[in-house]
Amino acid sequence: MGYQAFKAVLGRALYLARQDLLFLSGVTLGSSDRQCLLGLHRKAQDFAPAPADASFTAILAHSLGLLMFLVGKELTLCLVEEILG
Protein backbone atom coordinates (compact mmCIF):
# COMPACT_ATOMS: atom_id res chain seq x y z
CA MET A 1 0.00 0.00 0.00
CA GLY A 2 1.44 3.35 -0.98
CA TYR A 3 1.51 6.41 1.20
CA GLN A 4 -1.43 8.09 -0.57
CA ALA A 5 -3.61 5.00 -0.06
CA PHE A 6 -2.55 4.80 3.58
CA LYS A 7 -3.39 8.48 4.01
CA ALA A 8 -6.81 7.99 2.44
CA VAL A 9 -7.65 5.03 4.70
CA LEU A 10 -6.35 6.81 7.79
CA GLY A 11 -8.27 9.98 6.95
CA ARG A 12 -11.51 8.06 6.54
CA ALA A 13 -10.85 6.10 9.75
CA LEU A 14 -10.27 9.37 11.61
CA TYR A 15 -13.50 10.79 10.20
CA LEU A 16 -15.48 7.72 11.29
CA ALA A 17 -13.92 7.62 14.77
CA ARG A 18 -14.52 11.35 15.25
CA GLN A 19 -18.28 10.78 14.83
CA ASP A 20 -18.36 8.91 18.14
CA LEU A 21 -15.49 10.42 20.11
CA LEU A 22 -15.42 14.11 20.98
CA PHE A 23 -11.86 13.57 22.15
CA LEU A 24 -10.82 13.56 18.48
CA SER A 25 -12.20 17.01 17.70
CA GLY A 26 -9.36 19.14 16.46
CA VAL A 27 -7.24 16.15 15.43
CA THR A 28 -6.39 16.41 11.75
CA LEU A 29 -4.64 14.34 9.15
CA GLY A 30 -1.01 15.36 8.75
CA SER A 31 0.92 15.70 5.53
CA SER A 32 3.78 13.30 6.27
CA ASP A 33 4.24 9.77 7.54
CA ARG A 34 5.98 11.09 10.67
CA GLN A 35 3.06 13.37 11.56
CA CYS A 36 0.04 11.48 10.34
CA LEU A 37 -2.42 12.53 13.08
CA LEU A 38 -1.81 16.12 14.10
CA GLY A 39 -2.94 17.05 17.60
CA LEU A 40 -3.51 13.51 18.86
CA HIS A 41 -0.26 13.28 20.81
CA ARG A 42 -0.92 16.56 22.63
CA LYS A 43 -4.49 15.56 23.49
CA ALA A 44 -3.24 12.22 24.80
CA GLN A 45 -0.85 14.05 27.12
CA ASP A 46 -3.50 16.51 28.35
CA PHE A 47 -6.26 14.03 29.20
CA ALA A 48 -6.75 10.85 31.19
CA PRO A 49 -5.61 7.65 29.49
CA ALA A 50 -9.10 6.21 28.90
CA PRO A 51 -10.25 8.68 26.18
CA ALA A 52 -6.89 8.48 24.43
CA ASP A 53 -6.96 4.67 24.49
CA ALA A 54 -10.52 4.64 23.14
CA SER A 55 -9.51 7.02 20.36
CA PHE A 56 -6.46 4.99 19.31
CA THR A 57 -8.57 1.82 19.39
CA ALA A 58 -11.36 3.38 17.31
CA ILE A 59 -8.95 4.68 14.66
CA LEU A 60 -7.24 1.29 14.43
CA ALA A 61 -10.56 -0.59 14.28
CA HIS A 62 -11.92 1.66 11.53
CA SER A 63 -8.64 1.37 9.60
CA LEU A 64 -8.78 -2.42 9.72
CA GLY A 65 -12.46 -2.42 8.75
CA LEU A 66 -11.75 -0.21 5.76
CA LEU A 67 -8.84 -2.41 4.70
CA MET A 68 -11.05 -5.50 4.90
CA PHE A 69 -13.61 -3.74 2.72
CA LEU A 70 -11.02 -2.58 0.19
CA VAL A 71 -8.64 -5.53 -0.11
CA GLY A 72 -10.53 -8.36 1.58
CA LYS A 73 -10.41 -10.13 4.89
CA GLU A 74 -7.67 -12.61 3.96
CA LEU A 75 -5.17 -10.01 2.79
CA THR A 76 -5.92 -7.76 5.76
CA LEU A 77 -5.34 -10.64 8.16
CA CYS A 78 -2.06 -11.46 6.39
CA LEU A 79 -0.95 -7.85 6.86
CA VAL A 80 -1.89 -7.89 10.54
CA GLU A 81 -0.07 -11.20 11.09
CA GLU A 82 3.01 -9.80 9.36
CA ILE A 83 2.96 -6.70 11.55
CA LEU A 84 2.46 -8.65 14.76
CA GLY A 85 5.21 -11.07 13.79
C-alpha atoms as a PDB file:
ATOM      1  CA  MET A   1       0.000   0.000   0.000  1.00  0.00           C
ATOM      2  CA  GLY A   2       1.441   3.349  -0.978  1.00  0.00           C
ATOM      3  CA  TYR A   3       1.509   6.411   1.204  1.00  0.00           C
ATOM      4  CA  GLN A   4      -1.425   8.087  -0.570  1.00  0.00           C
ATOM      5  CA  ALA A   5      -3.609   5.001  -0.065  1.00  0.00           C
ATOM      6  CA  PHE A   6      -2.545   4.796   3.579  1.00  0.00           C
ATOM      7  CA  LYS A   7      -3.388   8.482   4.014  1.00  0.00           C
ATOM      8  CA  ALA A   8      -6.815   7.990   2.435  1.00  0.00           C
ATOM      9  CA  VAL A   9      -7.645   5.026   4.696  1.00  0.00           C
ATOM     10  CA  LEU A  10      -6.346   6.811   7.791  1.00  0.00           C
ATOM     11  CA  GLY A  11      -8.274   9.983   6.946  1.00  0.00           C
ATOM     12  CA  ARG A  12     -11.512   8.062   6.542  1.00  0.00           C
ATOM     13  CA  ALA A  13     -10.853   6.103   9.750  1.00  0.00           C
ATOM     14  CA  LEU A  14     -10.273   9.370  11.612  1.00  0.00           C
ATOM     15  CA  TYR A  15     -13.501  10.793  10.196  1.00  0.00           C
ATOM     16  CA  LEU A  16     -15.480   7.719  11.286  1.00  0.00           C
ATOM     17  CA  ALA A  17     -13.919   7.623  14.766  1.00  0.00           C
ATOM     18  CA  ARG A  18     -14.520  11.353  15.248  1.00  0.00           C
ATOM     19  CA  GLN A  19     -18.278  10.783  14.829  1.00  0.00           C
ATOM     20  CA  ASP A  20     -18.365   8.910  18.144  1.00  0.00           C
ATOM     21  CA  LEU A  21     -15.491  10.421  20.114  1.00  0.00           C
ATOM     22  CA  LEU A  22     -15.423  14.112  20.982  1.00  0.00           C
ATOM     23  CA  PHE A  23     -11.857  13.575  22.154  1.00  0.00           C
ATOM     24  CA  LEU A  24     -10.821  13.558  18.483  1.00  0.00           C
ATOM     25  CA  SER A  25     -12.201  17.006  17.700  1.00  0.00           C
ATOM     26  CA  GLY A  26      -9.357  19.144  16.464  1.00  0.00           C
ATOM     27  CA  VAL A  27      -7.243  16.148  15.430  1.00  0.00           C
ATOM     28  CA  THR A  28      -6.388  16.409  11.749  1.00  0.00           C
ATOM     29  CA  LEU A  29      -4.642  14.340   9.146  1.00  0.00           C
ATOM     30  CA  GLY A  30      -1.013  15.363   8.747  1.00  0.00           C
ATOM     31  CA  SER A  31       0.918  15.699   5.528  1.00  0.00           C
ATOM     32  CA  SER A  32       3.781  13.302   6.274  1.00  0.00           C
ATOM     33  CA  ASP A  33       4.240   9.772   7.541  1.00  0.00           C
ATOM     34  CA  ARG A  34       5.979  11.093  10.665  1.00  0.00           C
ATOM     35  CA  GLN A  35       3.063  13.367  11.561  1.00  0.00           C
ATOM     36  CA  CYS A  36       0.035  11.476  10.340  1.00  0.00           C
ATOM     37  CA  LEU A  37      -2.424  12.529  13.084  1.00  0.00           C
ATOM     38  CA  LEU A  38      -1.809  16.115  14.104  1.00  0.00           C
ATOM     39  CA  GLY A  39      -2.943  17.051  17.596  1.00  0.00           C
ATOM     40  CA  LEU A  40      -3.507  13.511  18.855  1.00  0.00           C
ATOM     41  CA  HIS A  41      -0.264  13.280  20.813  1.00  0.00           C
ATOM     42  CA  ARG A  42      -0.920  16.558  22.625  1.00  0.00           C
ATOM     43  CA  LYS A  43      -4.490  15.561  23.486  1.00  0.00           C
ATOM     44  CA  ALA A  44      -3.244  12.219  24.797  1.00  0.00           C
ATOM     45  CA  GLN A  45      -0.850  14.052  27.121  1.00  0.00           C
ATOM     46  CA  ASP A  46      -3.500  16.511  28.350  1.00  0.00           C
ATOM     47  CA  PHE A  47      -6.257  14.028  29.197  1.00  0.00           C
ATOM     48  CA  ALA A  48      -6.753  10.850  31.193  1.00  0.00           C
ATOM     49  CA  PRO A  49      -5.607   7.645  29.486  1.00  0.00           C
ATOM     50  CA  ALA A  50      -9.103   6.212  28.895  1.00  0.00           C
ATOM     51  CA  PRO A  51     -10.254   8.677  26.178  1.00  0.00           C
ATOM     52  CA  ALA A  52      -6.895   8.476  24.434  1.00  0.00           C
ATOM     53  CA  ASP A  53      -6.965   4.667  24.488  1.00  0.00           C
ATOM     54  CA  ALA A  54     -10.520   4.640  23.137  1.00  0.00           C
ATOM     55  CA  SER A  55      -9.509   7.025  20.355  1.00  0.00           C
ATOM     56  CA  PHE A  56      -6.461   4.988  19.309  1.00  0.00           C
ATOM     57  CA  THR A  57      -8.566   1.819  19.392  1.00  0.00           C
ATOM     58  CA  ALA A  58     -11.357   3.380  17.306  1.00  0.00           C
ATOM     59  CA  ILE A  59      -8.952   4.684  14.658  1.00  0.00           C
ATOM     60  CA  LEU A  60      -7.243   1.287  14.430  1.00  0.00           C
ATOM     61  CA  ALA A  61     -10.561  -0.594  14.280  1.00  0.00           C
ATOM     62  CA  HIS A  62     -11.916   1.661  11.534  1.00  0.00           C
ATOM     63  CA  SER A  63      -8.637   1.372   9.597  1.00  0.00           C
ATOM     64  CA  LEU A  64      -8.781  -2.420   9.720  1.00  0.00           C
ATOM     65  CA  GLY A  65     -12.460  -2.420   8.755  1.00  0.00           C
ATOM     66  CA  LEU A  66     -11.750  -0.213   5.761  1.00  0.00           C
ATOM     67  CA  LEU A  67      -8.838  -2.407   4.704  1.00  0.00           C
ATOM     68  CA  MET A  68     -11.054  -5.502   4.905  1.00  0.00           C
ATOM     69  CA  PHE A  69     -13.608  -3.740   2.724  1.00  0.00           C
ATOM     70  CA  LEU A  70     -11.019  -2.583   0.186  1.00  0.00           C
ATOM     71  CA  VAL A  71      -8.641  -5.535  -0.115  1.00  0.00           C
ATOM     72  CA  GLY A  72     -10.525  -8.356   1.583  1.00  0.00           C
ATOM     73  CA  LYS A  73     -10.409 -10.129   4.891  1.00  0.00           C
ATOM     74  CA  GLU A  74      -7.675 -12.613   3.962  1.00  0.00           C
ATOM     75  CA  LEU A  75      -5.167 -10.009   2.787  1.00  0.00           C
ATOM     76  CA  THR A  76      -5.921  -7.757   5.757  1.00  0.00           C
ATOM     77  CA  LEU A  77      -5.341 -10.642   8.161  1.00  0.00           C
ATOM     78  CA  CYS A  78      -2.061 -11.460   6.389  1.00  0.00           C
ATOM     79  CA  LEU A  79      -0.947  -7.849   6.863  1.00  0.00           C
ATOM     80  CA  VAL A  80      -1.891  -7.892  10.535  1.00  0.00           C
ATOM     81  CA  GLU A  81      -0.074 -11.196  11.089  1.00  0.00           C
ATOM     82  CA  GLU A  82       3.013  -9.797   9.362  1.00  0.00           C
ATOM     83  CA  ILE A  83       2.962  -6.697  11.551  1.00  0.00           C
ATOM     84  CA  LEU A  84       2.463  -8.649  14.765  1.00  0.00           C
ATOM     85  CA  GLY A  85       5.210 -11.070  13.794  1.00  0.00           C
END
